[in-house]
Protein backbone atom coordinates (compact mmCIF):
# COMPACT_ATOMS: atom_id res chain seq x y z
CA MET A 1 -115.73 181.26 116.63
CA GLY A 2 -118.06 178.32 116.14
CA LYS A 3 -116.93 174.85 115.32
CA ARG A 4 -116.80 173.91 111.70
CA GLY A 5 -119.14 171.18 110.67
CA PRO A 6 -118.01 167.97 108.99
CA LYS A 7 -116.89 168.19 105.40
CA PRO A 8 -119.90 167.47 103.18
CA LYS A 9 -119.89 164.04 101.61
CA GLY A 10 -120.13 163.90 97.85
CA LYS A 11 -122.45 161.68 95.83
CA VAL A 12 -119.55 160.35 93.78
CA LYS A 13 -116.87 158.17 95.33
CA ILE A 14 -113.66 159.50 93.81
CA LYS A 15 -111.62 156.41 93.08
CA TRP A 16 -110.05 155.55 89.74
CA SER A 17 -111.29 152.36 88.10
CA PRO A 18 -112.11 151.34 84.50
CA ASP A 19 -115.76 152.37 84.95
CA PHE A 20 -114.88 155.64 86.66
CA ALA A 21 -112.36 156.55 83.94
CA TYR A 22 -114.98 155.73 81.29
CA ALA A 23 -117.43 158.15 82.94
CA ILE A 24 -114.73 160.84 83.02
CA GLY A 25 -114.29 160.32 79.26
CA LEU A 26 -118.03 160.89 78.79
CA ILE A 27 -117.85 164.09 80.84
CA ALA A 28 -114.84 165.29 78.84
CA THR A 29 -116.79 164.96 75.60
CA ASP A 30 -120.51 165.38 76.39
CA GLY A 31 -120.71 166.54 80.01
CA ASN A 32 -121.36 170.02 81.36
CA LEU A 33 -120.02 171.77 84.47
CA SER A 34 -122.27 174.60 85.59
CA LYS A 35 -121.08 178.08 86.59
CA ASP A 36 -122.13 177.56 90.22
CA ASP A 37 -119.12 175.29 90.90
CA ARG A 38 -121.25 172.40 92.10
CA HIS A 39 -123.59 170.99 89.43
CA ILE A 40 -122.63 168.44 86.78
CA SER A 41 -125.02 167.48 84.00
CA PHE A 42 -124.95 164.97 81.18
CA VAL A 43 -127.25 164.82 78.15
CA SER A 44 -127.63 162.11 75.52
CA LYS A 45 -130.24 160.99 73.00
CA ASP A 46 -129.26 157.43 73.94
CA LYS A 47 -130.67 156.31 77.30
CA GLU A 48 -128.06 153.53 77.54
CA GLN A 49 -125.40 156.25 77.49
CA ILE A 50 -127.07 157.93 80.47
CA LEU A 51 -127.27 154.64 82.36
CA ASN A 52 -123.61 153.89 81.63
CA PHE A 53 -122.66 157.33 82.91
CA LEU A 54 -124.51 156.78 86.19
CA LYS A 55 -123.11 153.27 86.54
CA GLY A 56 -119.57 154.52 85.95
CA LEU A 57 -119.94 157.03 88.78
CA LYS A 58 -121.93 154.58 90.94
CA ILE A 59 -124.73 157.04 91.61
CA THR A 60 -128.51 157.06 91.25
CA VAL A 61 -130.04 160.23 89.84
CA PRO A 62 -133.49 160.84 88.31
CA ILE A 63 -133.44 160.85 84.51
CA SER A 64 -135.45 163.56 82.79
CA LYS A 65 -136.23 163.80 79.11
CA SER A 66 -137.23 166.49 76.67
CA PHE A 67 -138.37 166.57 73.07
CA SER A 68 -136.32 168.54 70.60
CA GLY A 69 -138.64 170.04 68.01
CA TYR A 70 -135.70 171.07 65.84
CA ARG A 71 -134.18 167.61 65.62
CA GLY A 72 -137.37 165.70 66.29
CA LYS A 73 -135.74 163.44 68.87
CA ILE A 74 -135.97 162.80 72.60
CA ALA A 75 -132.95 163.71 74.70
CA PHE A 76 -132.27 162.26 78.14
CA ARG A 77 -130.63 164.33 80.89
CA VAL A 78 -129.24 163.88 84.39
CA GLN A 79 -127.95 166.55 86.74
CA PHE A 80 -126.59 166.37 90.26
CA SER A 81 -124.83 168.57 92.79
CA ASP A 82 -121.48 167.46 94.20
CA VAL A 83 -118.94 170.09 95.24
CA ASN A 84 -116.22 167.52 95.98
CA PHE A 85 -116.56 165.85 92.60
CA TYR A 86 -116.75 169.22 90.84
CA GLN A 87 -113.48 170.25 92.49
CA PHE A 88 -111.94 166.90 91.54
CA LEU A 89 -112.89 167.51 87.90
CA ASN A 90 -111.24 170.94 88.13
CA SER A 91 -108.11 169.31 89.55
CA ILE A 92 -107.71 167.02 86.52
CA GLY A 93 -108.34 169.81 84.01
CA LEU A 94 -112.12 169.97 83.48
CA PHE A 95 -113.89 173.30 84.01
CA GLY A 96 -117.04 175.17 83.05
CA ALA A 97 -117.39 176.27 79.41
CA LYS A 98 -115.64 172.96 78.77
CA SER A 99 -115.62 173.04 74.97
CA LYS A 100 -113.51 176.22 75.10
CA THR A 101 -111.33 175.47 78.13
CA ILE A 102 -110.56 171.75 77.89
CA GLY A 103 -106.90 170.97 77.37
CA GLU A 104 -104.50 168.45 78.85
CA LEU A 105 -106.10 166.18 81.44
CA LYS A 106 -104.58 164.28 84.33
CA ILE A 107 -105.62 160.69 83.63
CA PRO A 108 -103.70 157.79 85.23
CA ASP A 109 -101.87 155.76 82.58
CA GLU A 110 -103.48 152.57 83.88
CA PHE A 111 -106.95 153.85 82.98
CA PHE A 112 -106.18 155.93 79.89
CA PHE A 113 -107.86 153.56 77.43
CA ASP A 114 -110.97 153.32 79.60
CA PHE A 115 -111.09 157.12 79.52
CA LEU A 116 -110.53 157.01 75.75
CA ARG A 117 -113.41 154.53 75.36
CA GLY A 118 -115.63 157.08 77.12
CA CYS A 119 -114.41 159.76 74.70
CA PHE A 120 -115.13 157.42 71.79
CA ASP A 121 -118.67 156.69 72.99
CA GLY A 122 -119.17 160.43 73.52
CA ASP A 123 -117.72 162.13 70.44
CA GLY A 124 -115.98 159.34 68.55
CA THR A 125 -116.95 157.30 65.54
CA ILE A 126 -115.87 154.36 63.39
CA TYR A 127 -116.60 154.14 59.68
CA SER A 128 -115.64 151.84 56.84
CA TYR A 129 -115.85 151.41 53.08
CA TRP A 130 -114.55 149.32 50.21
CA ASP A 131 -111.81 151.19 48.35
CA LYS A 132 -112.54 150.75 44.64
CA ARG A 133 -108.98 151.62 43.68
CA TRP A 134 -107.79 148.22 44.85
CA LYS A 135 -109.51 144.86 44.55
CA SER A 136 -110.89 143.55 47.85
CA SER A 137 -109.54 146.53 49.79
CA PHE A 138 -111.68 147.19 52.85
CA MET A 139 -110.81 150.33 54.82
CA PHE A 140 -111.92 151.40 58.27
CA TYR A 141 -111.11 154.37 60.48
CA VAL A 142 -111.56 155.40 64.11
CA SER A 143 -112.03 159.13 64.76
CA PHE A 144 -112.27 161.43 67.76
CA ILE A 145 -113.89 164.86 67.33
CA THR A 146 -113.49 167.96 69.51
CA ALA A 147 -113.62 171.75 69.27
CA SER A 148 -110.41 172.20 71.31
CA VAL A 149 -107.08 172.03 69.50
CA VAL A 150 -105.24 171.80 72.84
CA PHE A 151 -107.31 168.81 73.94
CA VAL A 152 -107.08 166.97 70.62
CA SER A 153 -103.29 167.54 70.55
CA TRP A 154 -102.99 166.13 74.08
CA LEU A 155 -105.19 163.19 73.09
CA ARG A 156 -103.04 162.52 70.04
CA ASN A 157 -99.81 162.65 72.04
CA SER A 158 -101.25 160.45 74.80
CA ILE A 159 -102.37 157.79 72.31
CA TYR A 160 -98.91 157.90 70.72
CA LYS A 161 -97.32 157.49 74.15
CA HIS A 162 -99.26 154.26 74.72
CA THR A 163 -99.28 152.82 71.19
CA SER A 164 -96.64 154.56 69.01
CA VAL A 165 -99.35 155.38 66.44
CA PHE A 166 -99.81 159.06 65.66
CA GLY A 167 -102.98 159.48 63.63
CA HIS A 168 -104.05 162.21 61.23
CA LEU A 169 -105.37 165.55 62.52
CA LYS A 170 -107.48 167.92 60.47
CA LYS A 171 -110.10 170.66 60.81
CA ASP A 172 -113.61 170.16 59.54
CA GLY A 173 -114.80 172.04 56.48
CA ARG A 174 -116.26 174.88 58.57
CA GLY A 175 -113.15 175.19 60.74
CA ILE A 176 -115.15 174.60 63.93
CA THR A 177 -114.00 171.17 65.10
CA TYR A 178 -110.90 169.00 64.86
CA GLN A 179 -110.94 165.37 63.80
CA LEU A 180 -108.24 162.95 64.93
CA THR A 181 -108.35 159.86 62.71
CA TYR A 182 -106.60 156.48 62.75
CA ALA A 183 -106.60 154.11 59.79
CA LYS A 184 -106.95 150.33 59.72
CA SER A 185 -104.01 148.72 61.58
CA ASP A 186 -103.53 151.74 63.85
CA SER A 187 -107.22 151.90 64.70
CA LEU A 188 -107.24 148.15 65.36
CA GLU A 189 -104.47 148.56 67.94
CA ILE A 190 -106.40 151.34 69.68
CA LEU A 191 -109.70 149.42 69.63
CA LYS A 192 -108.15 146.31 71.17
CA LYS A 193 -106.71 148.40 73.99
CA MET A 194 -109.99 150.22 74.57
CA PHE A 195 -111.87 146.92 74.72
CA ARG A 196 -109.17 144.85 76.39
CA HIS A 197 -111.59 143.61 79.07
CA LYS A 198 -114.77 141.69 78.25
CA LYS A 199 -117.00 143.11 80.97
CA ILE A 200 -116.63 146.85 80.61
CA LEU A 201 -118.94 149.81 80.15
CA SER A 202 -119.50 150.75 76.54
CA LEU A 203 -122.29 151.84 74.23
CA SER A 204 -123.66 148.62 72.74
CA ARG A 205 -124.62 150.07 69.34
CA LYS A 206 -121.07 151.38 68.77
CA LYS A 207 -119.48 148.18 70.00
CA LEU A 208 -121.71 146.12 67.69
CA LYS A 209 -120.69 148.32 64.75
CA ILE A 210 -117.02 147.76 65.62
CA GLU A 211 -117.49 144.00 65.83
CA LYS A 212 -119.23 143.88 62.43
CA ILE A 213 -116.43 145.89 60.80
CA LEU A 214 -113.67 143.80 62.35
CA ALA A 215 -115.38 140.56 61.34
CA ILE A 216 -114.99 141.56 57.68
CA VAL A 217 -111.19 141.57 58.09
CA GLY A 218 -111.11 138.46 60.25
CA GLU A 219 -110.46 140.30 63.51
CA ARG A 220 -112.30 140.49 66.80
CA LEU A 221 -112.12 142.49 69.99
């Protein structure tokens, strides 16, 4: 029997950090694990999102782009092969056909809000409006959207574990996705934890929107 060769080295250094956890959040929301058990891909219409993803994993991969005739927009895409990293993603709860299989994930408590920031930049949103029912009442909400009820329930319970705020969970009008929403003071607590460090990976357009909304109520990150 011949000698076994050395274990192949992966492209991604598997070590938890704020940037690494952020990238895992992006994979959990917008990433794709192929059926061959080795390829990971990530697609975004925002090139900054792609660059943040690569920076979070500390890898360099060619960026391709394609034009979507249906939506009329350019989408950017990266794909790489890394069996070790693929198996690591499996070990924390991420598999192929992710939108259908994603459930509870194994994220270290220390990096949960970095992971959550990645989820927010992937499939999250913040919106605001003036409530006409009350004078000078400005409302804002943070939401996370997913097709998996198991994942969104785990996300809700994990946020509660770290903040004691529970949020409101509902299905969309078509019954396809679930929306986990936090109002004003609760969303402010979550935002400040997600952006607790000044130099962190985040999508600049979403962060700028957050800062503009918070400025209206005299708050800042």
